[in-house]
Amino acid sequence: NFDISDIFIDSLYKVAKSDSVEEAEDFLAWIEEFGKENNINFVTTIS
């Protein structure tokens, strides 16, 4: 679905099954780039 405008991720560590801060940082950098390329807004929570 190329029409996705927003993706919300509730509880990032639980969704990814990892609480690694380094991996979370890499993932956030990736979604930042992916969002820019595809015009998608991302919001995520971290507990």
PDB file of all heavy atoms in Angstrom:
ATOM      1  N   ASN A   1       0.843  -1.189   0.000  1.00  0.00           N
ATOM      2  CA  ASN A   1       0.000   0.000   0.000  1.00  0.00           C
ATOM      3  C   ASN A   1       0.881   1.242   0.000  1.00  0.00           C
ATOM      4  O   ASN A   1       1.340   1.681   1.045  1.00  0.00           O
ATOM      5  CB  ASN A   1      -0.931   0.005   1.218  1.00  0.00           C
ATOM      6  CG  ASN A   1      -1.893   1.158   1.211  1.00  0.00           C
ATOM      7  OD1 ASN A   1      -1.799   2.077   0.403  1.00  0.00           O
ATOM      8  ND2 ASN A   1      -2.834   1.132   2.136  1.00  0.00           N
ATOM      9  N   PHE A   2       1.089   1.805  -1.180  1.00  0.00           N
ATOM     10  CA  PHE A   2       1.942   2.986  -1.309  1.00  0.00           C
ATOM     11  C   PHE A   2       1.289   4.256  -0.789  1.00  0.00           C
ATOM     12  O   PHE A   2       1.895   5.315  -0.799  1.00  0.00           O
ATOM     13  CB  PHE A   2       2.369   3.182  -2.770  1.00  0.00           C
ATOM     14  CG  PHE A   2       3.273   2.098  -3.271  1.00  0.00           C
ATOM     15  CD1 PHE A   2       2.837   1.204  -4.237  1.00  0.00           C
ATOM     16  CD2 PHE A   2       4.554   1.958  -2.776  1.00  0.00           C
ATOM     17  CE1 PHE A   2       3.666   0.203  -4.710  1.00  0.00           C
ATOM     18  CE2 PHE A   2       5.400   0.951  -3.228  1.00  0.00           C
ATOM     19  CZ  PHE A   2       4.943   0.081  -4.197  1.00  0.00           C
ATOM     20  N   ASP A   3       0.036   4.164  -0.324  1.00  0.00           N
ATOM     21  CA  ASP A   3      -0.675   5.330   0.189  1.00  0.00           C
ATOM     22  C   ASP A   3      -0.495   5.532   1.685  1.00  0.00           C
ATOM     23  O   ASP A   3      -1.102   6.427   2.259  1.00  0.00           O
ATOM     24  CB  ASP A   3      -2.174   5.207  -0.118  1.00  0.00           C
ATOM     25  CG  ASP A   3      -2.465   5.284  -1.602  1.00  0.00           C
ATOM     26  OD1 ASP A   3      -1.659   5.893  -2.329  1.00  0.00           O
ATOM     27  OD2 ASP A   3      -3.494   4.733  -2.032  1.00  0.00           O
ATOM     28  N   ILE A   4       0.300   4.705   2.340  1.00  0.00           N
ATOM     29  CA  ILE A   4       0.485   4.854   3.786  1.00  0.00           C
ATOM     30  C   ILE A   4       1.119   6.206   4.081  1.00  0.00           C
ATOM     31  O   ILE A   4       2.168   6.551   3.539  1.00  0.00           O
ATOM     32  CB  ILE A   4       1.356   3.712   4.361  1.00  0.00           C
ATOM     33  CG1 ILE A   4       0.635   2.382   4.231  1.00  0.00           C
ATOM     34  CG2 ILE A   4       1.700   3.984   5.831  1.00  0.00           C
ATOM     35  CD1 ILE A   4       1.453   1.176   4.655  1.00  0.00           C
ATOM     36  N   SER A   5       0.464   6.970   4.951  1.00  0.00           N
ATOM     37  CA  SER A   5       0.965   8.290   5.313  1.00  0.00           C
ATOM     38  C   SER A   5       1.579   8.302   6.708  1.00  0.00           C
ATOM     39  O   SER A   5       2.449   9.118   6.992  1.00  0.00           O
ATOM     40  CB  SER A   5      -0.169   9.320   5.255  1.00  0.00           C
ATOM     41  OG  SER A   5      -1.200   8.943   6.160  1.00  0.00           O
ATOM     42  N   ASP A   6       1.098   7.411   7.583  1.00  0.00           N
ATOM     43  CA  ASP A   6       1.545   7.399   8.976  1.00  0.00           C
ATOM     44  C   ASP A   6       1.655   5.966   9.474  1.00  0.00           C
ATOM     45  O   ASP A   6       0.763   5.149   9.213  1.00  0.00           O
ATOM     46  CB  ASP A   6       0.542   8.136   9.868  1.00  0.00           C
ATOM     47  CG  ASP A   6       0.368   9.587   9.493  1.00  0.00           C
ATOM     48  OD1 ASP A   6      -0.493   9.883   8.632  1.00  0.00           O
ATOM     49  OD2 ASP A   6       1.091  10.423  10.058  1.00  0.00           O
ATOM     50  N   ILE A   7       2.737   5.698  10.200  1.00  0.00           N
ATOM     51  CA  ILE A   7       2.896   4.413  10.863  1.00  0.00           C
ATOM     52  C   ILE A   7       3.207   4.695  12.332  1.00  0.00           C
ATOM     53  O   ILE A   7       4.141   5.433  12.657  1.00  0.00           O
ATOM     54  CB  ILE A   7       4.013   3.553  10.237  1.00  0.00           C
ATOM     55  CG1 ILE A   7       3.653   3.190   8.790  1.00  0.00           C
ATOM     56  CG2 ILE A   7       4.259   2.293  11.072  1.00  0.00           C
ATOM     57  CD1 ILE A   7       4.718   2.378   8.060  1.00  0.00           C
ATOM     58  N   PHE A   8       2.405   4.099  13.196  1.00  0.00           N
ATOM     59  CA  PHE A   8       2.576   4.216  14.636  1.00  0.00           C
ATOM     60  C   PHE A   8       3.027   2.866  15.164  1.00  0.00           C
ATOM     61  O   PHE A   8       2.483   1.829  14.779  1.00  0.00           O
ATOM     62  CB  PHE A   8       1.248   4.618  15.298  1.00  0.00           C
ATOM     63  CG  PHE A   8       0.790   5.986  14.905  1.00  0.00           C
ATOM     64  CD1 PHE A   8       0.020   6.167  13.769  1.00  0.00           C
ATOM     65  CD2 PHE A   8       1.132   7.092  15.659  1.00  0.00           C
ATOM     66  CE1 PHE A   8      -0.400   7.429  13.380  1.00  0.00           C
ATOM     67  CE2 PHE A   8       0.715   8.362  15.285  1.00  0.00           C
ATOM     68  CZ  PHE A   8      -0.053   8.535  14.138  1.00  0.00           C
ATOM     69  N   ILE A   9       4.036   2.874  16.032  1.00  0.00           N
ATOM     70  CA  ILE A   9       4.541   1.637  16.626  1.00  0.00           C
ATOM     71  C   ILE A   9       4.437   1.790  18.133  1.00  0.00           C
ATOM     72  O   ILE A   9       5.119   2.624  18.723  1.00  0.00           O
ATOM     73  CB  ILE A   9       6.009   1.360  16.217  1.00  0.00           C
ATOM     74  CG1 ILE A   9       6.145   1.317  14.690  1.00  0.00           C
ATOM     75  CG2 ILE A   9       6.488   0.049  16.854  1.00  0.00           C
ATOM     76  CD1 ILE A   9       7.587   1.287  14.203  1.00  0.00           C
ATOM     77  N   ASP A  10       3.555   1.007  18.733  1.00  0.00           N
ATOM     78  CA  ASP A  10       3.376   1.076  20.180  1.00  0.00           C
ATOM     79  C   ASP A  10       4.315   0.090  20.859  1.00  0.00           C
ATOM     80  O   ASP A  10       4.238  -1.110  20.618  1.00  0.00           O
ATOM     81  CB  ASP A  10       1.925   0.775  20.555  1.00  0.00           C
ATOM     82  CG  ASP A  10       1.648   1.016  22.033  1.00  0.00           C
ATOM     83  OD1 ASP A  10       2.256   1.947  22.599  1.00  0.00           O
ATOM     84  OD2 ASP A  10       0.833   0.289  22.604  1.00  0.00           O
ATOM     85  N   SER A  11       5.203   0.615  21.668  1.00  0.00           N
ATOM     86  CA  SER A  11       6.159  -0.161  22.451  1.00  0.00           C
ATOM     87  C   SER A  11       7.195  -0.850  21.557  1.00  0.00           C
ATOM     88  O   SER A  11       7.185  -2.067  21.359  1.00  0.00           O
ATOM     89  CB  SER A  11       5.435  -1.182  23.333  1.00  0.00           C
ATOM     90  OG  SER A  11       6.296  -1.631  24.337  1.00  0.00           O
ATOM     91  N   LEU A  12       8.096  -0.042  21.037  1.00  0.00           N
ATOM     92  CA  LEU A  12       9.100  -0.498  20.080  1.00  0.00           C
ATOM     93  C   LEU A  12       9.887  -1.712  20.560  1.00  0.00           C
ATOM     94  O   LEU A  12      10.080  -2.671  19.819  1.00  0.00           O
ATOM     95  CB  LEU A  12      10.056   0.646  19.731  1.00  0.00           C
ATOM     96  CG  LEU A  12      11.158   0.337  18.728  1.00  0.00           C
ATOM     97  CD1 LEU A  12      10.563  -0.073  17.384  1.00  0.00           C
ATOM     98  CD2 LEU A  12      12.095   1.522  18.569  1.00  0.00           C
ATOM     99  N   TYR A  13      10.345  -1.688  21.795  1.00  0.00           N
ATOM    100  CA  TYR A  13      11.147  -2.798  22.302  1.00  0.00           C
ATOM    101  C   TYR A  13      10.366  -4.115  22.291  1.00  0.00           C
ATOM    102  O   TYR A  13      10.909  -5.168  21.982  1.00  0.00           O
ATOM    103  CB  TYR A  13      11.645  -2.521  23.721  1.00  0.00           C
ATOM    104  CG  TYR A  13      12.706  -1.432  23.833  1.00  0.00           C
ATOM    105  CD1 TYR A  13      13.050  -0.923  25.075  1.00  0.00           C
ATOM    106  CD2 TYR A  13      13.363  -0.919  22.721  1.00  0.00           C
ATOM    107  CE1 TYR A  13      14.025   0.056  25.211  1.00  0.00           C
ATOM    108  CE2 TYR A  13      14.333   0.065  22.847  1.00  0.00           C
ATOM    109  CZ  TYR A  13      14.659   0.551  24.097  1.00  0.00           C
ATOM    110  OH  TYR A  13      15.619   1.520  24.232  1.00  0.00           O
ATOM    111  N   LYS A  14       9.080  -4.058  22.618  1.00  0.00           N
ATOM    112  CA  LYS A  14       8.249  -5.273  22.602  1.00  0.00           C
ATOM    113  C   LYS A  14       7.982  -5.739  21.185  1.00  0.00           C
ATOM    114  O   LYS A  14       8.023  -6.935  20.903  1.00  0.00           O
ATOM    115  CB  LYS A  14       6.918  -5.017  23.311  1.00  0.00           C
ATOM    116  CG  LYS A  14       7.021  -4.952  24.802  1.00  0.00           C
ATOM    117  CD  LYS A  14       5.649  -4.749  25.420  1.00  0.00           C
ATOM    118  CE  LYS A  14       5.756  -4.528  26.910  1.00  0.00           C
ATOM    119  NZ  LYS A  14       4.451  -4.213  27.509  1.00  0.00           N
ATOM    120  N   VAL A  15       7.703  -4.802  20.289  1.00  0.00           N
ATOM    121  CA  VAL A  15       7.408  -5.164  18.904  1.00  0.00           C
ATOM    122  C   VAL A  15       8.616  -5.836  18.267  1.00  0.00           C
ATOM    123  O   VAL A  15       8.494  -6.860  17.592  1.00  0.00           O
ATOM    124  CB  VAL A  15       6.953  -3.928  18.090  1.00  0.00           C
ATOM    125  CG1 VAL A  15       6.942  -4.212  16.602  1.00  0.00           C
ATOM    126  CG2 VAL A  15       5.578  -3.477  18.549  1.00  0.00           C
ATOM    127  N   ALA A  16       9.808  -5.274  18.481  1.00  0.00           N
ATOM    128  CA  ALA A  16      11.025  -5.823  17.877  1.00  0.00           C
ATOM    129  C   ALA A  16      11.625  -6.970  18.698  1.00  0.00           C
ATOM    130  O   ALA A  16      12.569  -7.611  18.255  1.00  0.00           O
ATOM    131  CB  ALA A  16      12.066  -4.725  17.714  1.00  0.00           C
ATOM    132  N   LYS A  17      11.076  -7.197  19.881  1.00  0.00           N
ATOM    133  CA  LYS A  17      11.599  -8.204  20.804  1.00  0.00           C
ATOM    134  C   LYS A  17      13.078  -7.983  21.107  1.00  0.00           C
ATOM    135  O   LYS A  17      13.877  -8.916  21.145  1.00  0.00           O
ATOM    136  CB  LYS A  17      11.363  -9.620  20.281  1.00  0.00           C
ATOM    137  CG  LYS A  17       9.922 -10.060  20.358  1.00  0.00           C
ATOM    138  CD  LYS A  17       9.795 -11.547  20.151  1.00  0.00           C
ATOM    139  CE  LYS A  17       8.390 -11.992  20.480  1.00  0.00           C
ATOM    140  NZ  LYS A  17       8.231 -13.425  20.335  1.00  0.00           N
ATOM    141  N   SER A  18      13.423  -6.716  21.301  1.00  0.00           N
ATOM    142  CA  SER A  18      14.806  -6.372  21.644  1.00  0.00           C
ATOM    143  C   SER A  18      14.818  -5.042  22.382  1.00  0.00           C
ATOM    144  O   SER A  18      14.176  -4.093  21.946  1.00  0.00           O
ATOM    145  CB  SER A  18      15.665  -6.257  20.387  1.00  0.00           C
ATOM    146  OG  SER A  18      16.942  -5.718  20.699  1.00  0.00           O
ATOM    147  N   ASP A  19      15.559  -4.965  23.468  1.00  0.00           N
ATOM    148  CA  ASP A  19      15.693  -3.695  24.174  1.00  0.00           C
ATOM    149  C   ASP A  19      17.105  -3.116  24.018  1.00  0.00           C
ATOM    150  O   ASP A  19      17.563  -2.313  24.812  1.00  0.00           O
ATOM    151  CB  ASP A  19      15.313  -3.828  25.646  1.00  0.00           C
ATOM    152  CG  ASP A  19      16.163  -4.835  26.397  1.00  0.00           C
ATOM    153  OD1 ASP A  19      17.050  -5.450  25.786  1.00  0.00           O
ATOM    154  OD2 ASP A  19      15.933  -4.997  27.611  1.00  0.00           O
ATOM    155  N   SER A  20      17.777  -3.532  22.951  1.00  0.00           N
ATOM    156  CA  SER A  20      19.110  -3.013  22.658  1.00  0.00           C
ATOM    157  C   SER A  20      19.010  -1.556  22.217  1.00  0.00           C
ATOM    158  O   SER A  20      18.357  -1.242  21.212  1.00  0.00           O
ATOM    159  CB  SER A  20      19.762  -3.834  21.545  1.00  0.00           C
ATOM    160  OG  SER A  20      20.891  -3.151  21.028  1.00  0.00           O
ATOM    161  N   VAL A  21      19.648  -0.676  22.947  1.00  0.00           N
ATOM    162  CA  VAL A  21      19.612   0.750  22.625  1.00  0.00           C
ATOM    163  C   VAL A  21      20.300   1.013  21.289  1.00  0.00           C
ATOM    164  O   VAL A  21      19.803   1.801  20.469  1.00  0.00           O
ATOM    165  CB  VAL A  21      20.264   1.586  23.752  1.00  0.00           C
ATOM    166  CG1 VAL A  21      20.366   3.044  23.372  1.00  0.00           C
ATOM    167  CG2 VAL A  21      19.475   1.423  25.050  1.00  0.00           C
ATOM    168  N   GLU A  22      21.411   0.340  21.035  1.00  0.00           N
ATOM    169  CA  GLU A  22      22.139   0.536  19.781  1.00  0.00           C
ATOM    170  C   GLU A  22      21.284   0.122  18.581  1.00  0.00           C
ATOM    171  O   GLU A  22      21.232   0.820  17.572  1.00  0.00           O
ATOM    172  CB  GLU A  22      23.462  -0.238  19.776  1.00  0.00           C
ATOM    173  CG  GLU A  22      24.476   0.244  20.792  1.00  0.00           C
ATOM    174  CD  GLU A  22      24.209  -0.288  22.206  1.00  0.00           C
ATOM    175  OE1 GLU A  22      23.485  -1.301  22.370  1.00  0.00           O
ATOM    176  OE2 GLU A  22      24.708   0.331  23.161  1.00  0.00           O
ATOM    177  N   GLU A  23      20.617  -1.018  18.696  1.00  0.00           N
ATOM    178  CA  GLU A  23      19.757  -1.482  17.607  1.00  0.00           C
ATOM    179  C   GLU A  23      18.565  -0.541  17.430  1.00  0.00           C
ATOM    180  O   GLU A  23      18.144  -0.277  16.305  1.00  0.00           O
ATOM    181  CB  GLU A  23      19.271  -2.904  17.872  1.00  0.00           C
ATOM    182  CG  GLU A  23      20.346  -3.950  17.733  1.00  0.00           C
ATOM    183  CD  GLU A  23      19.845  -5.353  18.055  1.00  0.00           C
ATOM    184  OE1 GLU A  23      18.642  -5.518  18.353  1.00  0.00           O
ATOM    185  OE2 GLU A  23      20.657  -6.283  18.002  1.00  0.00           O
ATOM    186  N   ALA A  24      18.031  -0.031  18.524  1.00  0.00           N
ATOM    187  CA  ALA A  24      16.913   0.916  18.449  1.00  0.00           C
ATOM    188  C   ALA A  24      17.360   2.200  17.744  1.00  0.00           C
ATOM    189  O   ALA A  24      16.630   2.742  16.902  1.00  0.00           O
ATOM    190  CB  ALA A  24      16.376   1.227  19.842  1.00  0.00           C
ATOM    191  N   GLU A  25      18.561   2.671  18.071  1.00  0.00           N
ATOM    192  CA  GLU A  25      19.089   3.873  17.402  1.00  0.00           C
ATOM    193  C   GLU A  25      19.216   3.643  15.901  1.00  0.00           C
ATOM    194  O   GLU A  25      18.819   4.502  15.104  1.00  0.00           O
ATOM    195  CB  GLU A  25      20.463   4.247  17.972  1.00  0.00           C
ATOM    196  CG  GLU A  25      20.443   4.788  19.357  1.00  0.00           C
ATOM    197  CD  GLU A  25      21.838   5.022  19.902  1.00  0.00           C
ATOM    198  OE1 GLU A  25      22.812   4.389  19.424  1.00  0.00           O
ATOM    199  OE2 GLU A  25      21.962   5.850  20.810  1.00  0.00           O
ATOM    200  N   ASP A  26      19.760   2.506  15.507  1.00  0.00           N
ATOM    201  CA  ASP A  26      19.890   2.182  14.085  1.00  0.00           C
ATOM    202  C   ASP A  26      18.525   2.100  13.410  1.00  0.00           C
ATOM    203  O   ASP A  26      18.345   2.585  12.299  1.00  0.00           O
ATOM    204  CB  ASP A  26      20.634   0.856  13.892  1.00  0.00           C
ATOM    205  CG  ASP A  26      22.102   0.942  14.266  1.00  0.00           C
ATOM    206  OD1 ASP A  26      22.633   2.073  14.367  1.00  0.00           O
ATOM    207  OD2 ASP A  26      22.723  -0.126  14.464  1.00  0.00           O
ATOM    208  N   PHE A  27      17.560   1.490  14.091  1.00  0.00           N
ATOM    209  CA  PHE A  27      16.219   1.373  13.541  1.00  0.00           C
ATOM    210  C   PHE A  27      15.591   2.755  13.371  1.00  0.00           C
ATOM    211  O   PHE A  27      14.982   3.041  12.329  1.00  0.00           O
ATOM    212  CB  PHE A  27      15.340   0.499  14.443  1.00  0.00           C
ATOM    213  CG  PHE A  27      13.922   0.411  13.977  1.00  0.00           C
ATOM    214  CD1 PHE A  27      13.580  -0.392  12.901  1.00  0.00           C
ATOM    215  CD2 PHE A  27      12.927   1.154  14.597  1.00  0.00           C
ATOM    216  CE1 PHE A  27      12.268  -0.458  12.449  1.00  0.00           C
ATOM    217  CE2 PHE A  27      11.622   1.091  14.162  1.00  0.00           C
ATOM    218  CZ  PHE A  27      11.289   0.280  13.083  1.00  0.00           C
ATOM    219  N   LEU A  28      15.730   3.614  14.368  1.00  0.00           N
ATOM    220  CA  LEU A  28      15.163   4.971  14.270  1.00  0.00           C
ATOM    221  C   LEU A  28      15.793   5.750  13.128  1.00  0.00           C
ATOM    222  O   LEU A  28      15.102   6.473  12.397  1.00  0.00           O
ATOM    223  CB  LEU A  28      15.322   5.708  15.597  1.00  0.00           C
ATOM    224  CG  LEU A  28      14.501   5.157  16.770  1.00  0.00           C
ATOM    225  CD1 LEU A  28      14.893   5.849  18.072  1.00  0.00           C
ATOM    226  CD2 LEU A  28      13.012   5.283  16.512  1.00  0.00           C
ATOM    227  N   ALA A  29      17.101   5.595  12.944  1.00  0.00           N
ATOM    228  CA  ALA A  29      17.769   6.251  11.811  1.00  0.00           C
ATOM    229  C   ALA A  29      17.225   5.707  10.495  1.00  0.00           C
ATOM    230  O   ALA A  29      17.002   6.464   9.535  1.00  0.00           O
ATOM    231  CB  ALA A  29      19.287   6.052  11.897  1.00  0.00           C
ATOM    232  N   TRP A  30      16.977   4.397  10.452  1.00  0.00           N
ATOM    233  CA  TRP A  30      16.443   3.792   9.238  1.00  0.00           C
ATOM    234  C   TRP A  30      15.028   4.298   8.938  1.00  0.00           C
ATOM    235  O   TRP A  30      14.736   4.653   7.804  1.00  0.00           O
ATOM    236  CB  TRP A  30      16.451   2.267   9.349  1.00  0.00           C
ATOM    237  CG  TRP A  30      15.879   1.617   8.133  1.00  0.00           C
ATOM    238  CD1 TRP A  30      16.524   1.378   6.947  1.00  0.00           C
ATOM    239  CD2 TRP A  30      14.532   1.173   7.947  1.00  0.00           C
ATOM    240  NE1 TRP A  30      15.648   0.802   6.050  1.00  0.00           N
ATOM    241  CE2 TRP A  30      14.416   0.664   6.641  1.00  0.00           C
ATOM    242  CE3 TRP A  30      13.406   1.153   8.766  1.00  0.00           C
ATOM    243  CZ2 TRP A  30      13.235   0.141   6.130  1.00  0.00           C
ATOM    244  CZ3 TRP A  30      12.225   0.633   8.270  1.00  0.00           C
ATOM    245  CH2 TRP A  30      12.152   0.136   6.950  1.00  0.00           C
ATOM    246  N   ILE A  31      14.147   4.333   9.962  1.00  0.00           N
ATOM    247  CA  ILE A  31      12.783   4.793   9.668  1.00  0.00           C
ATOM    248  C   ILE A  31      12.757   6.278   9.341  1.00  0.00           C
ATOM    249  O   ILE A  31      11.891   6.723   8.599  1.00  0.00           O
ATOM    250  CB  ILE A  31      11.744   4.429  10.755  1.00  0.00           C
ATOM    251  CG1 ILE A  31      12.053   5.073  12.096  1.00  0.00           C
ATOM    252  CG2 ILE A  31      11.539   2.943  10.854  1.00  0.00           C
ATOM    253  CD1 ILE A  31      10.940   4.893  13.133  1.00  0.00           C
ATOM    254  N   GLU A  32      13.718   7.017   9.868  1.00  0.00           N
ATOM    255  CA  GLU A  32      13.798   8.431   9.492  1.00  0.00           C
ATOM    256  C   GLU A  32      14.070   8.548   7.991  1.00  0.00           C
ATOM    257  O   GLU A  32      13.398   9.295   7.276  1.00  0.00           O
ATOM    258  CB  GLU A  32      14.894   9.142  10.289  1.00  0.00           C
ATOM    259  CG  GLU A  32      15.030  10.611   9.922  1.00  0.00           C
ATOM    260  CD  GLU A  32      16.134  11.308  10.681  1.00  0.00           C
ATOM    261  OE1 GLU A  32      17.178  10.677  10.987  1.00  0.00           O
ATOM    262  OE2 GLU A  32      15.963  12.508  10.958  1.00  0.00           O
ATOM    263  N   GLU A  33      15.038   7.796   7.507  1.00  0.00           N
ATOM    264  CA  GLU A  33      15.380   7.815   6.087  1.00  0.00           C
ATOM    265  C   GLU A  33      14.257   7.232   5.229  1.00  0.00           C
ATOM    266  O   GLU A  33      13.883   7.793   4.206  1.00  0.00           O
ATOM    267  CB  GLU A  33      16.686   7.045   5.851  1.00  0.00           C
ATOM    268  CG  GLU A  33      17.256   7.205   4.469  1.00  0.00           C
ATOM    269  CD  GLU A  33      17.618   8.646   4.136  1.00  0.00           C
ATOM    270  OE1 GLU A  33      18.052   9.395   5.029  1.00  0.00           O
ATOM    271  OE2 GLU A  33      17.461   9.027   2.963  1.00  0.00           O
ATOM    272  N   PHE A  34      13.718   6.107   5.653  1.00  0.00           N
ATOM    273  CA  PHE A  34      12.625   5.456   4.923  1.00  0.00           C
ATOM    274  C   PHE A  34      11.411   6.389   4.846  1.00  0.00           C
ATOM    275  O   PHE A  34      10.763   6.501   3.809  1.00  0.00           O
ATOM    276  CB  PHE A  34      12.255   4.141   5.605  1.00  0.00           C
ATOM    277  CG  PHE A  34      11.251   3.315   4.863  1.00  0.00           C
ATOM    278  CD1 PHE A  34      11.637   2.530   3.789  1.00  0.00           C
ATOM    279  CD2 PHE A  34       9.911   3.308   5.243  1.00  0.00           C
ATOM    280  CE1 PHE A  34      10.709   1.752   3.096  1.00  0.00           C
ATOM    281  CE2 PHE A  34       8.984   2.545   4.559  1.00  0.00           C
ATOM    282  CZ  PHE A  34       9.378   1.763   3.480  1.00  0.00           C
ATOM    283  N   GLY A  35      11.120   7.054   5.938  1.00  0.00           N
ATOM    284  CA  GLY A  35      10.001   7.992   5.975  1.00  0.00           C
ATOM    285  C   GLY A  35      10.192   9.170   5.033  1.00  0.00           C
ATOM    286  O   GLY A  35       9.254   9.587   4.345  1.00  0.00           O
ATOM    287  N   LYS A  36      11.408   9.700   4.989  1.00  0.00           N
ATOM    288  CA  LYS A  36      11.700  10.812   4.068  1.00  0.00           C
ATOM    289  C   LYS A  36      11.552  10.372   2.620  1.00  0.00           C
ATOM    290  O   LYS A  36      10.967  11.071   1.808  1.00  0.00           O
ATOM    291  CB  LYS A  36      13.117  11.343   4.302  1.00  0.00           C
ATOM    292  CG  LYS A  36      13.264  12.198   5.526  1.00  0.00           C
ATOM    293  CD  LYS A  36      14.705  12.669   5.685  1.00  0.00           C
ATOM    294  CE  LYS A  36      14.911  13.405   6.984  1.00  0.00           C
ATOM    295  NZ  LYS A  36      16.323  13.746   7.206  1.00  0.00           N
ATOM    296  N   GLU A  37      12.094   9.205   2.308  1.00  0.00           N
ATOM    297  CA  GLU A  37      12.046   8.696   0.936  1.00  0.00           C
ATOM    298  C   GLU A  37      10.626   8.414   0.459  1.00  0.00           C
ATOM    299  O   GLU A  37      10.319   8.564  -0.724  1.00  0.00           O
ATOM    300  CB  GLU A  37      12.864   7.407   0.811  1.00  0.00           C
ATOM    301  CG  GLU A  37      14.353   7.593   0.935  1.00  0.00           C
ATOM    302  CD  GLU A  37      15.105   6.273   0.984  1.00  0.00           C
ATOM    303  OE1 GLU A  37      14.479   5.197   0.862  1.00  0.00           O
ATOM    304  OE2 GLU A  37      16.334   6.323   1.162  1.00  0.00           O
ATOM    305  N   ASN A  38       9.771   8.005   1.389  1.00  0.00           N
ATOM    306  CA  ASN A  38       8.433   7.546   1.010  1.00  0.00           C
ATOM    307  C   ASN A  38       7.302   8.407   1.563  1.00  0.00           C
ATOM    308  O   ASN A  38       6.132   8.039   1.452  1.00  0.00           O
ATOM    309  CB  ASN A  38       8.250   6.092   1.452  1.00  0.00           C
ATOM    310  CG  ASN A  38       9.247   5.189   0.778  1.00  0.00           C
ATOM    311  OD1 ASN A  38       9.225   5.021  -0.438  1.00  0.00           O
ATOM    312  ND2 ASN A  38      10.169   4.624   1.548  1.00  0.00           N
ATOM    313  N   ASN A  39       7.661   9.546   2.144  1.00  0.00           N
ATOM    314  CA  ASN A  39       6.681  10.500   2.666  1.00  0.00           C
ATOM    315  C   ASN A  39       5.757   9.857   3.711  1.00  0.00           C
ATOM    316  O   ASN A  39       4.536   9.957   3.621  1.00  0.00           O
ATOM    317  CB  ASN A  39       5.871  11.119   1.524  1.00  0.00           C
ATOM    318  CG  ASN A  39       5.236  12.423   1.940  1.00  0.00           C
ATOM    319  OD1 ASN A  39       5.717  13.108   2.826  1.00  0.00           O
ATOM    320  ND2 ASN A  39       4.125  12.755   1.316  1.00  0.00           N
ATOM    321  N   ILE A  40       6.375   9.191   4.685  1.00  0.00           N
ATOM    322  CA  ILE A  40       5.640   8.531   5.765  1.00  0.00           C
ATOM    323  C   ILE A  40       6.082   9.144   7.098  1.00  0.00           C
ATOM    324  O   ILE A  40       7.273   9.298   7.348  1.00  0.00           O
ATOM    325  CB  ILE A  40       5.915   7.011   5.806  1.00  0.00           C
ATOM    326  CG1 ILE A  40       5.515   6.354   4.493  1.00  0.00           C
ATOM    327  CG2 ILE A  40       5.181   6.360   6.977  1.00  0.00           C
ATOM    328  CD1 ILE A  40       5.912   4.887   4.396  1.00  0.00           C
ATOM    329  N   ASN A  41       5.105   9.470   7.928  1.00  0.00           N
ATOM    330  CA  ASN A  41       5.374   9.933   9.287  1.00  0.00           C
ATOM    331  C   ASN A  41       5.400   8.725  10.210  1.00  0.00           C
ATOM    332  O   ASN A  41       4.542   7.843  10.099  1.00  0.00           O
ATOM    333  CB  ASN A  41       4.281  10.891   9.756  1.00  0.00           C
ATOM    334  CG  ASN A  41       4.204  12.123   8.901  1.00  0.00           C
ATOM    335  OD1 ASN A  41       5.210  12.762   8.624  1.00  0.00           O
ATOM    336  ND2 ASN A  41       3.005  12.453   8.475  1.00  0.00           N
ATOM    337  N   PHE A  42       6.369   8.681  11.106  1.00  0.00           N
ATOM    338  CA  PHE A  42       6.474   7.597  12.077  1.00  0.00           C
ATOM    339  C   PHE A  42       6.382   8.161  13.483  1.00  0.00           C
ATOM    340  O   PHE A  42       6.980   9.196  13.786  1.00  0.00           O
ATOM    341  CB  PHE A  42       7.830   6.877  11.963  1.00  0.00           C
ATOM    342  CG  PHE A  42       7.939   5.929  10.811  1.00  0.00           C
ATOM    343  CD1 PHE A  42       8.373   6.372   9.573  1.00  0.00           C
ATOM    344  CD2 PHE A  42       7.616   4.593  10.965  1.00  0.00           C
ATOM    345  CE1 PHE A  42       8.488   5.500   8.499  1.00  0.00           C
ATOM    346  CE2 PHE A  42       7.730   3.709   9.900  1.00  0.00           C
ATOM    347  CZ  PHE A  42       8.161   4.161   8.664  1.00  0.00           C
ATOM    348  N   VAL A  43       5.638   7.467  14.338  1.00  0.00           N
ATOM    349  CA  VAL A  43       5.594   7.766  15.767  1.00  0.00           C
ATOM    350  C   VAL A  43       5.749   6.439  16.478  1.00  0.00           C
ATOM    351  O   VAL A  43       5.079   5.461  16.144  1.00  0.00           O
ATOM    352  CB  VAL A  43       4.263   8.439  16.185  1.00  0.00           C
ATOM    353  CG1 VAL A  43       4.239   8.677  17.692  1.00  0.00           C
ATOM    354  CG2 VAL A  43       4.045   9.747  15.438  1.00  0.00           C
ATOM    355  N   THR A  44       6.647   6.393  17.451  1.00  0.00           N
ATOM    356  CA  THR A  44       6.843   5.165  18.211  1.00  0.00           C
ATOM    357  C   THR A  44       6.988   5.485  19.689  1.00  0.00           C
ATOM    358  O   THR A  44       7.418   6.578  20.058  1.00  0.00           O
ATOM    359  CB  THR A  44       8.075   4.372  17.707  1.00  0.00           C
ATOM    360  OG1 THR A  44       8.124   3.116  18.379  1.00  0.00           O
ATOM    361  CG2 THR A  44       9.362   5.125  17.922  1.00  0.00           C
ATOM    362  N   THR A  45       6.593   4.534  20.503  1.00  0.00           N
ATOM    363  CA  THR A  45       6.792   4.669  21.937  1.00  0.00           C
ATOM    364  C   THR A  45       7.894   3.726  22.380  1.00  0.00           C
ATOM    365  O   THR A  45       8.079   2.653  21.794  1.00  0.00           O
ATOM    366  CB  THR A  45       5.504   4.359  22.735  1.00  0.00           C
ATOM    367  OG1 THR A  45       5.121   3.010  22.513  1.00  0.00           O
ATOM    368  CG2 THR A  45       4.371   5.297  22.354  1.00  0.00           C
ATOM    369  N   ILE A  46       8.626   4.159  23.395  1.00  0.00           N
ATOM    370  CA  ILE A  46       9.663   3.326  24.002  1.00  0.00           C
ATOM    371  C   ILE A  46       9.443   3.358  25.508  1.00  0.00           C
ATOM    372  O   ILE A  46       9.389   4.432  26.109  1.00  0.00           O
ATOM    373  CB  ILE A  46      11.084   3.846  23.665  1.00  0.00           C
ATOM    374  CG1 ILE A  46      11.340   3.758  22.157  1.00  0.00           C
ATOM    375  CG2 ILE A  46      12.133   3.075  24.457  1.00  0.00           C
ATOM    376  CD1 ILE A  46      12.687   4.332  21.724  1.00  0.00           C
ATOM    377  N   SER A  47       9.300   2.183  26.102  1.00  0.00           N
ATOM    378  CA  SER A  47       9.097   2.083  27.546  1.00  0.00           C
ATOM    379  C   SER A  47      10.440   2.029  28.253  1.00  0.00           C
ATOM    380  O   SER A  47      11.026   0.969  28.418  1.00  0.00           O
ATOM    381  CB  SER A  47       8.265   0.843  27.883  1.00  0.00           C
ATOM    382  OG  SER A  47       6.963   0.983  27.409  1.00  0.00           O
TER     383      SER A  47
END
